[in-house]
Amino acid sequence: MNEFFPQQDIKLNLKIVEQGVLFLFHHPNGGPGDLVQVRQSWLSVHSLLSRLRKSRTYCARDVPLLVWKEGEELHIKYHIPDDLAVEECVFTRAETGRILAMLEGLPGLN
């Protein structure tokens, strides 16, 4: 599992699961959105990377996940279940590079 830290007080873990990648968003404040899990299939991860390479926005079809780049920063928006809130994480250039390198090197994509 890999840990990434956006500019907000949230931690993102990317975990390889059998069908793809699990995005785990950890909120330190507790509450209904303390741990938000968003699963993406290998095909979805491939689509996400392809869209980012073309400077396009990735919008997941079956779960509320939106991913895009502004300059060198990676932005991820997701929905917190049972709270109706939407969170946005903004990752620095360095963290963006780490995230993309991790996703591009996944064995399920090769």
N, C-alpha and C. Protein backbone atom coordinates (compact mmCIF):
# COMPACT_ATOMS: atom_id res chain seq x y z
N MET A 1 0.85 -1.18 0.00
CA MET A 1 0.00 0.00 0.00
C MET A 1 0.90 1.24 0.00
N ASN A 2 0.54 2.22 -0.77
CA ASN A 2 1.32 3.45 -0.88
C ASN A 2 0.53 4.61 -0.29
N GLU A 3 1.21 5.46 0.46
CA GLU A 3 0.58 6.62 1.10
C GLU A 3 0.98 7.90 0.37
N PHE A 4 -0.02 8.77 0.19
CA PHE A 4 0.21 10.05 -0.45
C PHE A 4 -0.52 11.12 0.36
N PHE A 5 0.05 12.31 0.38
CA PHE A 5 -0.49 13.37 1.22
C PHE A 5 -0.77 14.63 0.41
N PRO A 6 -2.04 14.95 0.22
CA PRO A 6 -2.38 16.18 -0.50
C PRO A 6 -2.16 17.40 0.39
N GLN A 7 -2.44 18.56 -0.14
CA GLN A 7 -2.28 19.79 0.60
C GLN A 7 -3.33 19.93 1.70
N GLN A 8 -4.43 19.18 1.61
CA GLN A 8 -5.46 19.18 2.63
C GLN A 8 -5.08 18.16 3.71
N ASP A 9 -5.79 18.16 4.80
CA ASP A 9 -5.49 17.26 5.91
C ASP A 9 -6.15 15.90 5.70
N ILE A 10 -5.81 15.26 4.59
CA ILE A 10 -6.36 13.96 4.20
C ILE A 10 -5.19 13.09 3.76
N LYS A 11 -5.28 11.80 3.99
CA LYS A 11 -4.25 10.88 3.52
C LYS A 11 -4.88 9.95 2.48
N LEU A 12 -4.18 9.74 1.38
CA LEU A 12 -4.63 8.82 0.33
C LEU A 12 -3.73 7.60 0.33
N ASN A 13 -4.34 6.43 0.40
CA ASN A 13 -3.62 5.17 0.22
C ASN A 13 -4.13 4.55 -1.07
N LEU A 14 -3.22 4.03 -1.87
CA LEU A 14 -3.58 3.28 -3.06
C LEU A 14 -3.19 1.83 -2.81
N LYS A 15 -4.17 0.97 -2.87
CA LYS A 15 -3.94 -0.44 -2.56
C LYS A 15 -4.33 -1.29 -3.78
N ILE A 16 -3.45 -2.19 -4.15
CA ILE A 16 -3.73 -3.11 -5.25
C ILE A 16 -4.68 -4.19 -4.73
N VAL A 17 -5.78 -4.36 -5.44
CA VAL A 17 -6.74 -5.42 -5.12
C VAL A 17 -6.89 -6.29 -6.36
N GLU A 18 -7.55 -7.41 -6.22
CA GLU A 18 -7.63 -8.37 -7.32
C GLU A 18 -8.15 -7.77 -8.62
N GLN A 19 -9.19 -6.96 -8.54
CA GLN A 19 -9.81 -6.41 -9.75
C GLN A 19 -9.26 -5.05 -10.15
N GLY A 20 -8.31 -4.48 -9.40
CA GLY A 20 -7.80 -3.17 -9.76
C GLY A 20 -7.13 -2.47 -8.60
N VAL A 21 -7.53 -1.22 -8.38
CA VAL A 21 -6.92 -0.38 -7.36
C VAL A 21 -8.01 0.18 -6.45
N LEU A 22 -7.71 0.19 -5.16
CA LEU A 22 -8.62 0.75 -4.18
C LEU A 22 -8.03 2.06 -3.69
N PHE A 23 -8.76 3.16 -3.88
CA PHE A 23 -8.39 4.47 -3.37
C PHE A 23 -8.98 4.58 -1.97
N LEU A 24 -8.14 4.77 -0.96
CA LEU A 24 -8.59 4.90 0.42
C LEU A 24 -8.27 6.31 0.91
N PHE A 25 -9.29 7.09 1.18
CA PHE A 25 -9.13 8.45 1.67
C PHE A 25 -9.37 8.46 3.18
N HIS A 26 -8.37 8.86 3.95
CA HIS A 26 -8.47 8.88 5.41
C HIS A 26 -8.60 10.34 5.88
N HIS A 27 -9.64 10.60 6.65
CA HIS A 27 -9.87 11.93 7.22
C HIS A 27 -9.56 11.88 8.71
N PRO A 28 -8.73 12.76 9.21
CA PRO A 28 -8.34 12.69 10.62
C PRO A 28 -9.43 13.15 11.59
N ASN A 29 -10.44 13.83 11.12
CA ASN A 29 -11.45 14.41 12.01
C ASN A 29 -12.54 13.44 12.42
N GLY A 30 -12.58 12.26 11.84
CA GLY A 30 -13.62 11.29 12.17
C GLY A 30 -14.93 11.63 11.47
N GLY A 31 -16.00 11.01 11.90
CA GLY A 31 -17.30 11.25 11.29
C GLY A 31 -17.59 10.24 10.21
N PRO A 32 -18.71 10.43 9.49
CA PRO A 32 -19.14 9.44 8.51
C PRO A 32 -18.15 9.27 7.36
N GLY A 33 -17.39 10.27 7.05
CA GLY A 33 -16.45 10.18 5.94
C GLY A 33 -15.03 9.92 6.38
N ASP A 34 -14.84 9.37 7.58
CA ASP A 34 -13.49 9.15 8.11
C ASP A 34 -12.65 8.29 7.18
N LEU A 35 -13.24 7.26 6.62
CA LEU A 35 -12.54 6.41 5.65
C LEU A 35 -13.46 6.21 4.45
N VAL A 36 -13.05 6.74 3.32
CA VAL A 36 -13.83 6.61 2.09
C VAL A 36 -13.05 5.70 1.15
N GLN A 37 -13.73 4.65 0.64
CA GLN A 37 -13.10 3.70 -0.26
C GLN A 37 -13.71 3.83 -1.65
N VAL A 38 -12.85 3.97 -2.64
CA VAL A 38 -13.30 4.06 -4.03
C VAL A 38 -12.51 3.04 -4.84
N ARG A 39 -13.20 2.02 -5.33
CA ARG A 39 -12.57 0.95 -6.10
C ARG A 39 -12.60 1.30 -7.59
N GLN A 40 -11.47 1.05 -8.27
CA GLN A 40 -11.37 1.26 -9.70
C GLN A 40 -10.79 0.00 -10.34
N SER A 41 -11.43 -0.48 -11.40
CA SER A 41 -10.95 -1.66 -12.11
C SER A 41 -9.67 -1.33 -12.86
N TRP A 42 -8.98 -2.38 -13.34
CA TRP A 42 -7.78 -2.15 -14.14
C TRP A 42 -8.11 -1.32 -15.38
N LEU A 43 -9.24 -1.60 -16.00
CA LEU A 43 -9.65 -0.84 -17.18
C LEU A 43 -9.86 0.63 -16.83
N SER A 44 -10.47 0.89 -15.69
CA SER A 44 -10.70 2.27 -15.25
C SER A 44 -9.40 3.00 -14.96
N VAL A 45 -8.44 2.30 -14.34
CA VAL A 45 -7.14 2.91 -14.05
C VAL A 45 -6.42 3.23 -15.36
N HIS A 46 -6.51 2.33 -16.32
CA HIS A 46 -5.91 2.56 -17.64
C HIS A 46 -6.55 3.80 -18.29
N SER A 47 -7.86 3.92 -18.21
CA SER A 47 -8.58 5.07 -18.75
C SER A 47 -8.18 6.36 -18.03
N LEU A 48 -8.06 6.29 -16.71
CA LEU A 48 -7.64 7.45 -15.91
C LEU A 48 -6.28 7.96 -16.38
N LEU A 49 -5.31 7.06 -16.50
CA LEU A 49 -3.97 7.45 -16.93
C LEU A 49 -3.97 8.01 -18.35
N SER A 50 -4.74 7.40 -19.22
CA SER A 50 -4.82 7.87 -20.60
C SER A 50 -5.38 9.28 -20.66
N ARG A 51 -6.41 9.54 -19.91
CA ARG A 51 -7.01 10.88 -19.91
C ARG A 51 -6.06 11.92 -19.33
N LEU A 52 -5.34 11.57 -18.27
CA LEU A 52 -4.40 12.51 -17.68
C LEU A 52 -3.26 12.83 -18.65
N ARG A 53 -2.80 11.82 -19.42
CA ARG A 53 -1.74 12.07 -20.40
C ARG A 53 -2.19 13.05 -21.48
N LYS A 54 -3.50 13.05 -21.77
CA LYS A 54 -4.05 13.93 -22.80
C LYS A 54 -4.62 15.22 -22.21
N SER A 55 -4.30 15.49 -20.94
CA SER A 55 -4.79 16.69 -20.24
C SER A 55 -6.30 16.76 -20.23
N ARG A 56 -6.93 15.62 -20.03
CA ARG A 56 -8.39 15.56 -19.95
C ARG A 56 -8.80 15.12 -18.56
N THR A 57 -10.05 15.34 -18.24
CA THR A 57 -10.60 14.95 -16.94
C THR A 57 -11.11 13.52 -16.99
N TYR A 58 -10.82 12.78 -15.93
CA TYR A 58 -11.34 11.41 -15.80
C TYR A 58 -12.53 11.45 -14.84
N CYS A 59 -13.65 10.91 -15.29
CA CYS A 59 -14.85 10.80 -14.47
C CYS A 59 -15.26 9.34 -14.43
N ALA A 60 -15.21 8.74 -13.24
CA ALA A 60 -15.59 7.33 -13.11
C ALA A 60 -17.07 7.17 -13.42
N ARG A 61 -17.42 6.04 -14.02
CA ARG A 61 -18.81 5.81 -14.42
C ARG A 61 -19.68 5.33 -13.27
N ASP A 62 -19.15 4.45 -12.46
CA ASP A 62 -19.98 3.79 -11.46
C ASP A 62 -19.81 4.30 -10.03
N VAL A 63 -18.82 5.15 -9.79
CA VAL A 63 -18.60 5.72 -8.46
C VAL A 63 -18.29 7.21 -8.61
N PRO A 64 -18.56 8.00 -7.57
CA PRO A 64 -18.32 9.43 -7.66
C PRO A 64 -16.83 9.77 -7.49
N LEU A 65 -16.09 9.73 -8.59
CA LEU A 65 -14.66 10.03 -8.58
C LEU A 65 -14.34 10.86 -9.82
N LEU A 66 -13.66 11.98 -9.60
CA LEU A 66 -13.28 12.89 -10.68
C LEU A 66 -11.79 13.19 -10.50
N VAL A 67 -10.99 13.03 -11.55
CA VAL A 67 -9.54 13.23 -11.46
C VAL A 67 -9.08 14.08 -12.65
N TRP A 68 -8.25 15.08 -12.37
CA TRP A 68 -7.70 15.91 -13.44
C TRP A 68 -6.42 16.58 -12.94
N LYS A 69 -5.68 17.15 -13.91
CA LYS A 69 -4.46 17.89 -13.59
C LYS A 69 -4.64 19.34 -13.96
N GLU A 70 -4.13 20.20 -13.09
CA GLU A 70 -4.01 21.63 -13.39
C GLU A 70 -2.54 21.95 -13.28
N GLY A 71 -1.91 22.19 -14.41
CA GLY A 71 -0.46 22.36 -14.41
C GLY A 71 0.19 21.07 -13.95
N GLU A 72 0.98 21.14 -12.89
CA GLU A 72 1.66 19.97 -12.35
C GLU A 72 0.94 19.36 -11.15
N GLU A 73 -0.19 19.94 -10.77
CA GLU A 73 -0.93 19.45 -9.60
C GLU A 73 -2.04 18.49 -10.01
N LEU A 74 -2.16 17.42 -9.25
CA LEU A 74 -3.23 16.45 -9.46
C LEU A 74 -4.38 16.78 -8.53
N HIS A 75 -5.60 16.78 -9.08
CA HIS A 75 -6.81 17.05 -8.30
C HIS A 75 -7.68 15.80 -8.32
N ILE A 76 -8.20 15.44 -7.16
CA ILE A 76 -9.12 14.31 -7.05
C ILE A 76 -10.32 14.76 -6.23
N LYS A 77 -11.51 14.63 -6.82
CA LYS A 77 -12.76 14.91 -6.11
C LYS A 77 -13.50 13.60 -5.92
N TYR A 78 -14.08 13.43 -4.75
CA TYR A 78 -14.85 12.23 -4.47
C TYR A 78 -15.97 12.57 -3.50
N HIS A 79 -16.95 11.72 -3.46
CA HIS A 79 -18.15 11.91 -2.64
C HIS A 79 -18.03 11.12 -1.35
N ILE A 80 -18.39 11.73 -0.24
CA ILE A 80 -18.42 11.04 1.05
C ILE A 80 -19.81 10.45 1.25
N PRO A 81 -19.92 9.13 1.28
CA PRO A 81 -21.25 8.51 1.47
C PRO A 81 -21.88 8.93 2.80
N ASP A 82 -23.18 8.98 2.83
CA ASP A 82 -23.96 9.29 4.03
C ASP A 82 -23.76 10.71 4.54
N ASP A 83 -23.00 11.52 3.84
CA ASP A 83 -22.75 12.88 4.30
C ASP A 83 -23.13 13.91 3.23
N LEU A 84 -23.29 13.46 2.00
CA LEU A 84 -23.59 14.31 0.85
C LEU A 84 -22.54 15.38 0.60
N ALA A 85 -21.36 15.20 1.20
CA ALA A 85 -20.28 16.16 1.00
C ALA A 85 -19.36 15.67 -0.11
N VAL A 86 -18.73 16.63 -0.77
CA VAL A 86 -17.74 16.32 -1.80
C VAL A 86 -16.41 16.88 -1.32
N GLU A 87 -15.38 16.05 -1.35
CA GLU A 87 -14.04 16.46 -0.95
C GLU A 87 -13.17 16.59 -2.18
N GLU A 88 -12.24 17.52 -2.12
CA GLU A 88 -11.26 17.66 -3.19
C GLU A 88 -9.86 17.64 -2.59
N CYS A 89 -9.02 16.80 -3.14
CA CYS A 89 -7.62 16.72 -2.74
C CYS A 89 -6.78 17.34 -3.85
N VAL A 90 -5.81 18.13 -3.47
CA VAL A 90 -4.88 18.71 -4.44
C VAL A 90 -3.48 18.27 -4.03
N PHE A 91 -2.80 17.61 -4.96
CA PHE A 91 -1.47 17.07 -4.69
C PHE A 91 -0.41 17.93 -5.35
N THR A 92 0.70 18.12 -4.66
CA THR A 92 1.81 18.90 -5.19
C THR A 92 2.43 18.18 -6.39
N ARG A 93 3.31 18.86 -7.06
CA ARG A 93 4.00 18.27 -8.21
C ARG A 93 4.72 16.99 -7.82
N ALA A 94 5.41 17.00 -6.68
CA ALA A 94 6.16 15.84 -6.24
C ALA A 94 5.23 14.66 -5.94
N GLU A 95 4.14 14.92 -5.21
CA GLU A 95 3.20 13.84 -4.89
C GLU A 95 2.49 13.35 -6.16
N THR A 96 2.18 14.26 -7.06
CA THR A 96 1.57 13.88 -8.33
C THR A 96 2.48 12.92 -9.08
N GLY A 97 3.76 13.23 -9.14
CA GLY A 97 4.73 12.36 -9.80
C GLY A 97 4.78 10.98 -9.17
N ARG A 98 4.75 10.92 -7.84
CA ARG A 98 4.77 9.64 -7.13
C ARG A 98 3.51 8.83 -7.42
N ILE A 99 2.36 9.49 -7.40
CA ILE A 99 1.09 8.79 -7.66
C ILE A 99 1.06 8.22 -9.07
N LEU A 100 1.41 9.05 -10.04
CA LEU A 100 1.37 8.59 -11.43
C LEU A 100 2.38 7.48 -11.68
N ALA A 101 3.57 7.59 -11.10
CA ALA A 101 4.58 6.55 -11.26
C ALA A 101 4.09 5.23 -10.67
N MET A 102 3.43 5.30 -9.52
CA MET A 102 2.90 4.09 -8.89
C MET A 102 1.83 3.47 -9.77
N LEU A 103 0.88 4.28 -10.25
CA LEU A 103 -0.21 3.76 -11.07
C LEU A 103 0.31 3.20 -12.40
N GLU A 104 1.25 3.90 -13.02
CA GLU A 104 1.77 3.45 -14.31
C GLU A 104 2.57 2.16 -14.20
N GLY A 105 3.12 1.89 -13.02
CA GLY A 105 3.93 0.69 -12.83
C GLY A 105 3.16 -0.51 -12.30
N LEU A 106 1.85 -0.40 -12.21
CA LEU A 106 1.06 -1.51 -11.66
C LEU A 106 1.09 -2.72 -12.58
N PRO A 107 1.22 -3.91 -11.99
CA PRO A 107 1.31 -5.12 -12.81
C PRO A 107 0.05 -5.41 -13.61
N GLY A 108 -1.09 -4.98 -13.17
CA GLY A 108 -2.35 -5.23 -13.89
C GLY A 108 -2.50 -4.42 -15.16
N LEU A 109 -1.62 -3.43 -15.35
CA LEU A 109 -1.72 -2.57 -16.55
C LEU A 109 -0.75 -2.99 -17.64
N ASN A 110 0.18 -3.89 -17.33
CA ASN A 110 1.20 -4.28 -18.31
C ASN A 110 0.83 -5.57 -18.99
